[in-house]
Amino acid sequence: MRRDSRLSATLHALLHMAEQNRPMTSAELAMCMTTNAVVVRRTMAGLREAGLVRSEKGHGGGWEIARNLSTVTLKDIYDALGKPGLMAMGVHLESPTCLVEQAVNHSLTGAFAEAEAVLVGRLKDVTLAQLAADFHARAADFNSKNLRETR
């Protein structure tokens, strides 16, 4: 089963955008997201509607983050992407006539809903600023290791 990686790819692109002092084109973002510019424009359009990014057309134009990173949660981005499914598992039949399968569905559906609620709650707790800080810490660690190795 194919996994929906839009949230991960979009977060990746947004962090690249946060590092720039200029708007990024759809083509540049497509390279970050390993996709094509049409997919980027479609994805960013949803983020623009949610007020998370803005765009300028023409020379020097492109996409940029519209809000302070500390005010944007992963849940904000998840919502702007249309709340893609978080669980790859599901029930065999939605409305089974078999009482055994009804019992199985009842149990699994509740467990899946609880797991999804926990994950969505965690998305509310993480901001783009926290992801950017993690990136900067990793970059500093990487650079210091490379500096030590070249000595």
N, C-alpha and C. Protein backbone atom coordinates (compact mmCIF):
# COMPACT_ATOMS: atom_id res chain seq x y z
N MET A 1 0.85 -1.18 0.00
CA MET A 1 0.00 0.00 0.00
C MET A 1 0.90 1.25 0.00
N ARG A 2 0.58 2.15 -0.85
CA ARG A 2 1.35 3.38 -0.97
C ARG A 2 1.05 4.32 0.19
N ARG A 3 2.08 4.90 0.76
CA ARG A 3 1.92 5.84 1.86
C ARG A 3 1.78 7.25 1.33
N ASP A 4 1.01 8.07 2.02
CA ASP A 4 0.83 9.47 1.67
C ASP A 4 1.95 10.26 2.36
N SER A 5 2.87 10.76 1.58
CA SER A 5 4.03 11.47 2.14
C SER A 5 3.94 12.98 1.96
N ARG A 6 2.75 13.49 1.64
CA ARG A 6 2.61 14.92 1.39
C ARG A 6 3.00 15.77 2.59
N LEU A 7 2.63 15.36 3.80
CA LEU A 7 2.96 16.15 4.98
C LEU A 7 4.47 16.25 5.14
N SER A 8 5.14 15.14 5.04
CA SER A 8 6.60 15.11 5.17
C SER A 8 7.26 15.96 4.09
N ALA A 9 6.85 15.77 2.84
CA ALA A 9 7.44 16.52 1.73
C ALA A 9 7.17 18.01 1.86
N THR A 10 5.98 18.37 2.30
CA THR A 10 5.62 19.78 2.45
C THR A 10 6.43 20.41 3.58
N LEU A 11 6.59 19.70 4.69
CA LEU A 11 7.41 20.23 5.79
C LEU A 11 8.84 20.44 5.33
N HIS A 12 9.36 19.49 4.56
CA HIS A 12 10.70 19.60 4.02
C HIS A 12 10.83 20.88 3.18
N ALA A 13 9.87 21.09 2.29
CA ALA A 13 9.90 22.28 1.43
C ALA A 13 9.77 23.56 2.25
N LEU A 14 8.89 23.56 3.24
CA LEU A 14 8.71 24.76 4.07
C LEU A 14 9.98 25.12 4.84
N LEU A 15 10.70 24.12 5.30
CA LEU A 15 11.96 24.43 6.01
C LEU A 15 13.00 24.98 5.05
N HIS A 16 13.03 24.47 3.83
CA HIS A 16 13.92 25.08 2.83
C HIS A 16 13.51 26.53 2.58
N MET A 17 12.22 26.78 2.49
CA MET A 17 11.74 28.15 2.28
C MET A 17 12.15 29.05 3.43
N ALA A 18 12.08 28.53 4.64
CA ALA A 18 12.42 29.32 5.83
C ALA A 18 13.90 29.72 5.83
N GLU A 19 14.73 28.94 5.17
CA GLU A 19 16.17 29.23 5.14
C GLU A 19 16.54 30.27 4.08
N GLN A 20 15.63 30.58 3.20
CA GLN A 20 15.92 31.51 2.11
C GLN A 20 15.58 32.95 2.50
N ASN A 21 16.29 33.88 1.94
CA ASN A 21 15.98 35.29 2.12
C ASN A 21 15.25 35.85 0.90
N ARG A 22 14.61 34.94 0.19
CA ARG A 22 13.90 35.31 -1.04
C ARG A 22 12.83 34.27 -1.31
N PRO A 23 11.85 34.60 -2.15
CA PRO A 23 10.85 33.60 -2.52
C PRO A 23 11.50 32.47 -3.31
N MET A 24 10.93 31.28 -3.20
CA MET A 24 11.41 30.13 -3.96
C MET A 24 10.39 29.79 -5.04
N THR A 25 10.88 29.48 -6.23
CA THR A 25 9.99 29.14 -7.34
C THR A 25 9.42 27.74 -7.15
N SER A 26 8.36 27.47 -7.88
CA SER A 26 7.77 26.13 -7.86
C SER A 26 8.77 25.09 -8.34
N ALA A 27 9.61 25.45 -9.31
CA ALA A 27 10.62 24.52 -9.81
C ALA A 27 11.65 24.20 -8.73
N GLU A 28 12.08 25.20 -7.98
CA GLU A 28 13.05 24.96 -6.89
C GLU A 28 12.43 24.08 -5.81
N LEU A 29 11.20 24.37 -5.46
CA LEU A 29 10.52 23.57 -4.44
C LEU A 29 10.26 22.15 -4.93
N ALA A 30 10.01 22.00 -6.23
CA ALA A 30 9.79 20.67 -6.79
C ALA A 30 11.05 19.81 -6.62
N MET A 31 12.21 20.42 -6.75
CA MET A 31 13.45 19.66 -6.53
C MET A 31 13.55 19.23 -5.07
N CYS A 32 13.18 20.11 -4.13
CA CYS A 32 13.21 19.75 -2.70
C CYS A 32 12.24 18.62 -2.40
N MET A 33 11.07 18.67 -3.02
CA MET A 33 10.01 17.71 -2.73
C MET A 33 10.08 16.46 -3.61
N THR A 34 11.04 16.42 -4.52
CA THR A 34 11.19 15.32 -5.47
C THR A 34 9.88 15.04 -6.20
N THR A 35 9.36 16.10 -6.78
CA THR A 35 8.11 16.01 -7.53
C THR A 35 8.18 17.00 -8.68
N ASN A 36 7.05 17.35 -9.26
CA ASN A 36 7.07 18.34 -10.34
C ASN A 36 6.38 19.63 -9.88
N ALA A 37 6.60 20.69 -10.62
CA ALA A 37 6.12 22.02 -10.24
C ALA A 37 4.60 22.10 -10.15
N VAL A 38 3.90 21.30 -10.94
CA VAL A 38 2.43 21.31 -10.89
C VAL A 38 1.95 20.83 -9.52
N VAL A 39 2.57 19.78 -9.00
CA VAL A 39 2.21 19.27 -7.68
C VAL A 39 2.53 20.32 -6.61
N VAL A 40 3.66 21.00 -6.76
CA VAL A 40 4.04 22.05 -5.81
C VAL A 40 2.98 23.15 -5.82
N ARG A 41 2.59 23.62 -6.98
CA ARG A 41 1.60 24.70 -7.06
C ARG A 41 0.28 24.29 -6.44
N ARG A 42 -0.14 23.04 -6.68
CA ARG A 42 -1.38 22.54 -6.10
C ARG A 42 -1.27 22.47 -4.57
N THR A 43 -0.15 21.97 -4.09
CA THR A 43 0.06 21.85 -2.65
C THR A 43 0.13 23.23 -2.00
N MET A 44 0.91 24.12 -2.59
CA MET A 44 1.08 25.46 -2.02
C MET A 44 -0.21 26.27 -2.09
N ALA A 45 -1.05 25.99 -3.08
CA ALA A 45 -2.33 26.71 -3.17
C ALA A 45 -3.17 26.44 -1.92
N GLY A 46 -3.18 25.20 -1.45
CA GLY A 46 -3.90 24.88 -0.21
C GLY A 46 -3.30 25.57 1.00
N LEU A 47 -1.98 25.66 1.03
CA LEU A 47 -1.31 26.37 2.13
C LEU A 47 -1.57 27.87 2.06
N ARG A 48 -1.66 28.39 0.83
CA ARG A 48 -1.95 29.82 0.66
C ARG A 48 -3.37 30.13 1.15
N GLU A 49 -4.32 29.27 0.81
CA GLU A 49 -5.70 29.46 1.27
C GLU A 49 -5.79 29.47 2.79
N ALA A 50 -4.91 28.72 3.43
CA ALA A 50 -4.89 28.66 4.90
C ALA A 50 -4.06 29.81 5.50
N GLY A 51 -3.48 30.67 4.65
CA GLY A 51 -2.70 31.80 5.14
C GLY A 51 -1.30 31.44 5.61
N LEU A 52 -0.81 30.27 5.22
CA LEU A 52 0.51 29.83 5.67
C LEU A 52 1.64 30.27 4.75
N VAL A 53 1.35 30.41 3.46
CA VAL A 53 2.34 30.88 2.49
C VAL A 53 1.70 31.96 1.63
N ARG A 54 2.54 32.68 0.93
CA ARG A 54 2.06 33.66 -0.06
C ARG A 54 2.93 33.51 -1.30
N SER A 55 2.43 34.04 -2.40
CA SER A 55 3.18 33.93 -3.65
C SER A 55 3.14 35.23 -4.42
N GLU A 56 4.18 35.43 -5.19
CA GLU A 56 4.28 36.57 -6.10
C GLU A 56 4.58 36.02 -7.48
N LYS A 57 3.92 36.56 -8.49
CA LYS A 57 4.18 36.15 -9.86
C LYS A 57 5.27 37.01 -10.46
N GLY A 58 5.83 36.53 -11.54
CA GLY A 58 6.79 37.32 -12.30
C GLY A 58 8.22 37.15 -11.84
N HIS A 59 9.09 37.97 -12.45
CA HIS A 59 10.52 37.93 -12.15
C HIS A 59 10.77 38.21 -10.67
N GLY A 60 11.52 37.37 -10.03
CA GLY A 60 11.80 37.52 -8.60
C GLY A 60 10.68 37.01 -7.72
N GLY A 61 9.64 36.45 -8.34
CA GLY A 61 8.51 35.95 -7.57
C GLY A 61 8.73 34.52 -7.12
N GLY A 62 7.73 33.99 -6.48
CA GLY A 62 7.79 32.62 -5.98
C GLY A 62 6.99 32.51 -4.70
N TRP A 63 7.27 31.46 -3.95
CA TRP A 63 6.56 31.15 -2.71
C TRP A 63 7.41 31.51 -1.51
N GLU A 64 6.74 32.04 -0.47
CA GLU A 64 7.43 32.28 0.80
C GLU A 64 6.46 32.08 1.95
N ILE A 65 7.01 31.81 3.11
CA ILE A 65 6.19 31.58 4.30
C ILE A 65 5.56 32.91 4.73
N ALA A 66 4.28 32.88 5.04
CA ALA A 66 3.54 34.10 5.34
C ALA A 66 3.42 34.39 6.84
N ARG A 67 3.77 33.43 7.68
CA ARG A 67 3.61 33.62 9.13
C ARG A 67 4.92 33.31 9.86
N ASN A 68 5.00 33.78 11.06
CA ASN A 68 6.13 33.47 11.92
C ASN A 68 6.15 31.96 12.17
N LEU A 69 7.33 31.36 12.06
CA LEU A 69 7.45 29.91 12.20
C LEU A 69 6.94 29.40 13.55
N SER A 70 7.06 30.23 14.57
CA SER A 70 6.63 29.79 15.90
C SER A 70 5.11 29.75 16.05
N THR A 71 4.38 30.30 15.09
CA THR A 71 2.92 30.28 15.15
C THR A 71 2.29 29.22 14.26
N VAL A 72 3.12 28.48 13.53
CA VAL A 72 2.61 27.46 12.60
C VAL A 72 2.91 26.08 13.16
N THR A 73 1.84 25.31 13.42
CA THR A 73 2.03 23.95 13.92
C THR A 73 1.96 22.95 12.76
N LEU A 74 2.45 21.77 13.02
CA LEU A 74 2.34 20.71 12.03
C LEU A 74 0.87 20.40 11.74
N LYS A 75 0.01 20.57 12.73
CA LYS A 75 -1.42 20.35 12.51
C LYS A 75 -1.99 21.38 11.55
N ASP A 76 -1.52 22.63 11.62
CA ASP A 76 -1.97 23.66 10.68
C ASP A 76 -1.68 23.20 9.24
N ILE A 77 -0.51 22.64 9.04
CA ILE A 77 -0.11 22.20 7.71
C ILE A 77 -0.90 20.96 7.31
N TYR A 78 -1.06 20.04 8.24
CA TYR A 78 -1.86 18.83 8.02
C TYR A 78 -3.29 19.22 7.59
N ASP A 79 -3.88 20.17 8.30
CA ASP A 79 -5.23 20.64 7.96
C ASP A 79 -5.26 21.27 6.58
N ALA A 80 -4.25 22.09 6.26
CA ALA A 80 -4.21 22.78 4.97
C ALA A 80 -4.04 21.79 3.82
N LEU A 81 -3.45 20.64 4.09
CA LEU A 81 -3.29 19.61 3.07
C LEU A 81 -4.56 18.78 2.89
N GLY A 82 -5.61 19.10 3.65
CA GLY A 82 -6.88 18.39 3.53
C GLY A 82 -7.00 17.21 4.47
N LYS A 83 -6.22 17.20 5.54
CA LYS A 83 -6.24 16.13 6.55
C LYS A 83 -6.09 14.75 5.91
N PRO A 84 -4.95 14.51 5.26
CA PRO A 84 -4.77 13.19 4.63
C PRO A 84 -4.82 12.09 5.68
N GLY A 85 -5.23 10.90 5.24
CA GLY A 85 -5.34 9.76 6.14
C GLY A 85 -4.03 9.47 6.85
N LEU A 86 -4.11 9.24 8.14
CA LEU A 86 -2.91 8.97 8.93
C LEU A 86 -2.67 7.48 9.13
N MET A 87 -3.70 6.71 8.98
CA MET A 87 -3.59 5.27 9.23
C MET A 87 -3.65 4.52 7.90
N ALA A 88 -2.69 3.63 7.72
CA ALA A 88 -2.69 2.81 6.51
C ALA A 88 -3.61 1.60 6.67
N MET A 89 -3.92 1.26 7.92
CA MET A 89 -4.78 0.10 8.16
C MET A 89 -6.24 0.52 8.20
N GLY A 90 -7.11 -0.43 7.91
CA GLY A 90 -8.54 -0.18 7.98
C GLY A 90 -9.27 -1.51 8.15
N VAL A 91 -10.58 -1.42 8.15
CA VAL A 91 -11.38 -2.63 8.29
C VAL A 91 -11.63 -3.25 6.92
N HIS A 92 -11.90 -4.54 6.92
CA HIS A 92 -12.10 -5.28 5.66
C HIS A 92 -13.36 -4.81 4.93
N LEU A 93 -14.48 -4.77 5.62
CA LEU A 93 -15.75 -4.31 5.05
C LEU A 93 -16.33 -3.23 5.96
N GLU A 94 -16.79 -2.16 5.40
CA GLU A 94 -17.35 -1.07 6.19
C GLU A 94 -18.65 -1.44 6.89
N SER A 95 -19.53 -2.16 6.21
CA SER A 95 -20.84 -2.54 6.77
C SER A 95 -21.06 -4.04 6.61
N PRO A 96 -20.36 -4.85 7.39
CA PRO A 96 -20.50 -6.29 7.22
C PRO A 96 -21.82 -6.82 7.80
N THR A 97 -22.29 -7.91 7.24
CA THR A 97 -23.48 -8.57 7.78
C THR A 97 -23.08 -9.61 8.82
N CYS A 98 -21.86 -10.08 8.78
CA CYS A 98 -21.36 -11.09 9.73
C CYS A 98 -21.16 -10.45 11.10
N LEU A 99 -21.74 -11.04 12.14
CA LEU A 99 -21.63 -10.50 13.50
C LEU A 99 -20.20 -10.54 14.02
N VAL A 100 -19.43 -11.54 13.61
CA VAL A 100 -18.02 -11.62 14.02
C VAL A 100 -17.26 -10.42 13.46
N GLU A 101 -17.46 -10.17 12.17
CA GLU A 101 -16.76 -9.03 11.55
C GLU A 101 -17.25 -7.70 12.13
N GLN A 102 -18.50 -7.61 12.51
CA GLN A 102 -19.00 -6.41 13.16
C GLN A 102 -18.26 -6.17 14.47
N ALA A 103 -18.04 -7.24 15.25
CA ALA A 103 -17.31 -7.12 16.51
C ALA A 103 -15.86 -6.68 16.27
N VAL A 104 -15.24 -7.29 15.25
CA VAL A 104 -13.86 -6.92 14.90
C VAL A 104 -13.81 -5.45 14.49
N ASN A 105 -14.72 -5.04 13.63
CA ASN A 105 -14.74 -3.65 13.16
C ASN A 105 -14.92 -2.67 14.32
N HIS A 106 -15.82 -3.02 15.23
CA HIS A 106 -16.08 -2.14 16.37
C HIS A 106 -14.79 -1.92 17.18
N SER A 107 -14.08 -2.99 17.44
CA SER A 107 -12.85 -2.90 18.21
C SER A 107 -11.77 -2.12 17.46
N LEU A 108 -11.55 -2.48 16.20
CA LEU A 108 -10.49 -1.83 15.43
C LEU A 108 -10.80 -0.37 15.15
N THR A 109 -12.02 -0.05 14.83
CA THR A 109 -12.39 1.33 14.52
C THR A 109 -12.11 2.23 15.72
N GLY A 110 -12.45 1.77 16.90
CA GLY A 110 -12.16 2.55 18.11
C GLY A 110 -10.67 2.72 18.34
N ALA A 111 -9.91 1.65 18.16
CA ALA A 111 -8.46 1.72 18.34
C ALA A 111 -7.82 2.66 17.32
N PHE A 112 -8.26 2.56 16.07
CA PHE A 112 -7.72 3.45 15.03
C PHE A 112 -8.04 4.91 15.34
N ALA A 113 -9.25 5.19 15.78
CA ALA A 113 -9.64 6.57 16.11
C ALA A 113 -8.81 7.11 17.27
N GLU A 114 -8.57 6.28 18.27
CA GLU A 114 -7.74 6.72 19.41
C GLU A 114 -6.31 7.01 18.97
N ALA A 115 -5.75 6.13 18.15
CA ALA A 115 -4.38 6.33 17.67
C ALA A 115 -4.27 7.60 16.83
N GLU A 116 -5.24 7.84 15.98
CA GLU A 116 -5.23 9.03 15.14
C GLU A 116 -5.35 10.29 16.00
N ALA A 117 -6.18 10.25 17.04
CA ALA A 117 -6.34 11.41 17.93
C ALA A 117 -5.03 11.74 18.64
N VAL A 118 -4.29 10.71 19.05
CA VAL A 118 -3.00 10.93 19.70
C VAL A 118 -2.03 11.59 18.72
N LEU A 119 -1.97 11.09 17.50
CA LEU A 119 -1.06 11.65 16.50
C LEU A 119 -1.43 13.09 16.15
N VAL A 120 -2.70 13.37 15.94
CA VAL A 120 -3.13 14.74 15.64
C VAL A 120 -2.80 15.66 16.81
N GLY A 121 -2.98 15.17 18.04
CA GLY A 121 -2.62 15.96 19.21
C GLY A 121 -1.14 16.29 19.23
N ARG A 122 -0.31 15.34 18.84
CA ARG A 122 1.14 15.58 18.78
C ARG A 122 1.47 16.61 17.71
N LEU A 123 0.77 16.57 16.58
CA LEU A 123 0.99 17.56 15.51
C LEU A 123 0.72 18.97 16.00
N LYS A 124 -0.22 19.11 16.94
CA LYS A 124 -0.54 20.43 17.50
C LYS A 124 0.60 20.97 18.35
N ASP A 125 1.43 20.07 18.89
CA ASP A 125 2.49 20.45 19.82
C ASP A 125 3.80 20.85 19.16
N VAL A 126 3.94 20.62 17.87
CA VAL A 126 5.21 20.88 17.19
C VAL A 126 5.04 22.02 16.21
N THR A 127 5.93 23.01 16.28
CA THR A 127 5.88 24.17 15.38
C THR A 127 6.99 24.07 14.34
N LEU A 128 6.82 24.85 13.28
CA LEU A 128 7.88 24.94 12.28
C LEU A 128 9.16 25.50 12.90
N ALA A 129 9.03 26.38 13.88
CA ALA A 129 10.22 26.94 14.55
C ALA A 129 10.99 25.82 15.24
N GLN A 130 10.29 24.87 15.85
CA GLN A 130 10.97 23.75 16.50
C GLN A 130 11.69 22.87 15.48
N LEU A 131 11.06 22.63 14.34
CA LEU A 131 11.71 21.85 13.29
C LEU A 131 12.94 22.59 12.77
N ALA A 132 12.81 23.90 12.58
CA ALA A 132 13.95 24.70 12.11
C ALA A 132 15.09 24.66 13.12
N ALA A 133 14.77 24.75 14.40
CA ALA A 133 15.80 24.69 15.44
C ALA A 133 16.49 23.33 15.43
N ASP A 134 15.73 22.26 15.24
CA ASP A 134 16.31 20.92 15.15
C ASP A 134 17.26 20.84 13.95
N PHE A 135 16.84 21.37 12.82
CA PHE A 135 17.70 21.40 11.64
C PHE A 135 19.00 22.15 11.93
N HIS A 136 18.90 23.32 12.54
CA HIS A 136 20.10 24.12 12.82
C HIS A 136 21.04 23.40 13.78
N ALA A 137 20.49 22.71 14.77
CA ALA A 137 21.32 21.94 15.70
C ALA A 137 22.02 20.80 14.96
N ARG A 138 21.31 20.13 14.09
CA ARG A 138 21.91 19.04 13.32
C ARG A 138 22.99 19.57 12.38
N ALA A 139 22.73 20.71 11.76
CA ALA A 139 23.72 21.30 10.85
C ALA A 139 24.98 21.71 11.61
N ALA A 140 24.82 22.30 12.78
CA ALA A 140 25.97 22.70 13.59
C ALA A 140 26.77 21.47 14.01
N ASP A 141 26.09 20.41 14.42
CA ASP A 141 26.76 19.18 14.82
C ASP A 141 27.50 18.56 13.64
N PHE A 142 26.84 18.52 12.49
CA PHE A 142 27.44 17.98 11.27
C PHE A 142 28.69 18.78 10.91
N ASN A 143 28.59 20.11 10.94
CA ASN A 143 29.73 20.96 10.59
C ASN A 143 30.88 20.80 11.56
N SER A 144 30.58 20.68 12.85
CA SER A 144 31.67 20.53 13.82
C SER A 144 32.34 19.17 13.67
N LYS A 145 31.60 18.12 13.35
CA LYS A 145 32.20 16.80 13.11
C LYS A 145 33.10 16.84 11.89
N ASN A 146 32.63 17.47 10.82
CA ASN A 146 33.44 17.57 9.60
C ASN A 146 34.68 18.40 9.82
N LEU A 147 34.58 19.45 10.63
CA LEU A 147 35.73 20.29 10.92
C LEU A 147 36.78 19.48 11.68
N ARG A 148 36.34 18.69 12.66
CA ARG A 148 37.28 17.85 13.43
C ARG A 148 37.95 16.81 12.53
N GLU A 149 37.20 16.26 11.58
CA GLU A 149 37.75 15.22 10.70
C GLU A 149 38.75 15.77 9.72
N THR A 150 38.66 17.03 9.38
CA THR A 150 39.59 17.62 8.40
C THR A 150 40.89 18.11 9.06
N ARG A 151 40.93 18.09 10.35
CA ARG A 151 42.15 18.54 11.06
C ARG A 151 43.16 17.46 11.17
